[in-house]
Amino acid sequence: MNETIDFLIKIFIASLILSLLIKYLGPLLSLAPSNLNALIIVMIVPVIVTVFLTKKMLNTPSDS
């Protein structure tokens, strides 16, 4: 149970930091409005989460 709460707190803190970075540092970036830039920005977070969860899944021992 404690592991689950720790994991959720880590996710919450990472999400908070990412949100603050986007809010305060995002407007400082001068990006051209293009479809490729929008796709990269939208897909970067799910890719990062997938990498971390895959790493966690591969590091946990299996029941079999």
Protein backbone atom coordinates (compact mmCIF):
# COMPACT_ATOMS: atom_id res chain seq x y z
CA MET A 1 0.00 0.00 0.00
CA ASN A 2 2.80 2.39 0.90
CA GLU A 3 4.49 1.73 -2.46
CA THR A 4 1.32 2.73 -4.28
CA ILE A 5 1.00 5.98 -2.37
CA ASP A 6 4.67 6.79 -2.97
CA PHE A 7 4.25 6.14 -6.68
CA LEU A 8 1.14 8.34 -6.87
CA ILE A 9 2.92 11.15 -5.00
CA LYS A 10 5.84 10.94 -7.45
CA ILE A 11 3.43 11.13 -10.40
CA PHE A 12 1.65 14.11 -8.81
CA ILE A 13 4.90 15.99 -8.17
CA ALA A 14 6.19 15.30 -11.68
CA SER A 15 2.89 16.48 -13.15
CA LEU A 16 2.97 19.63 -11.02
CA ILE A 17 6.51 20.46 -12.10
CA LEU A 18 5.67 19.85 -15.75
CA SER A 19 2.57 22.05 -15.49
CA LEU A 20 4.55 24.89 -13.91
CA LEU A 21 7.25 24.61 -16.57
CA ILE A 22 4.66 24.81 -19.32
CA LYS A 23 2.87 27.73 -17.68
CA TYR A 24 5.90 29.90 -16.94
CA LEU A 25 8.54 28.81 -19.45
CA GLY A 26 6.28 27.89 -22.36
CA PRO A 27 5.55 31.47 -23.43
CA LEU A 28 9.28 32.19 -23.57
CA LEU A 29 9.77 29.66 -26.37
CA SER A 30 9.38 30.97 -29.87
CA LEU A 31 7.95 28.02 -31.78
CA ALA A 32 6.44 28.27 -35.20
CA PRO A 33 2.80 27.11 -35.24
CA SER A 34 3.03 23.98 -37.37
CA ASN A 35 1.44 20.56 -37.35
CA LEU A 36 4.75 18.85 -36.55
CA ASN A 37 5.41 21.05 -33.50
CA ALA A 38 1.88 20.45 -32.21
CA LEU A 39 2.26 16.69 -32.68
CA ILE A 40 5.59 16.63 -30.85
CA ILE A 41 4.23 18.66 -27.92
CA VAL A 42 1.12 16.49 -27.61
CA MET A 43 2.97 13.16 -27.89
CA ILE A 44 6.01 13.85 -25.69
CA VAL A 45 4.26 13.29 -22.34
CA PRO A 46 2.64 9.93 -23.22
CA VAL A 47 5.96 8.71 -24.64
CA ILE A 48 7.81 9.67 -21.45
CA VAL A 49 5.18 8.01 -19.25
CA THR A 50 5.31 4.88 -21.43
CA VAL A 51 9.09 4.69 -21.10
CA PHE A 52 8.99 5.04 -17.31
CA LEU A 53 6.17 2.51 -16.86
CA THR A 54 7.87 0.02 -19.20
CA LYS A 55 11.08 0.39 -17.25
CA LYS A 56 9.20 -0.19 -13.99
CA MET A 57 7.42 -3.21 -15.45
CA LEU A 58 10.67 -4.79 -16.66
CA ASN A 59 12.38 -4.23 -13.29
CA THR A 60 9.66 -5.93 -11.22
CA PRO A 61 9.95 -9.69 -10.74
CA SER A 62 7.28 -11.76 -12.44
CA ASP A 63 5.07 -14.29 -10.65
CA SER A 64 5.76 -17.08 -13.15
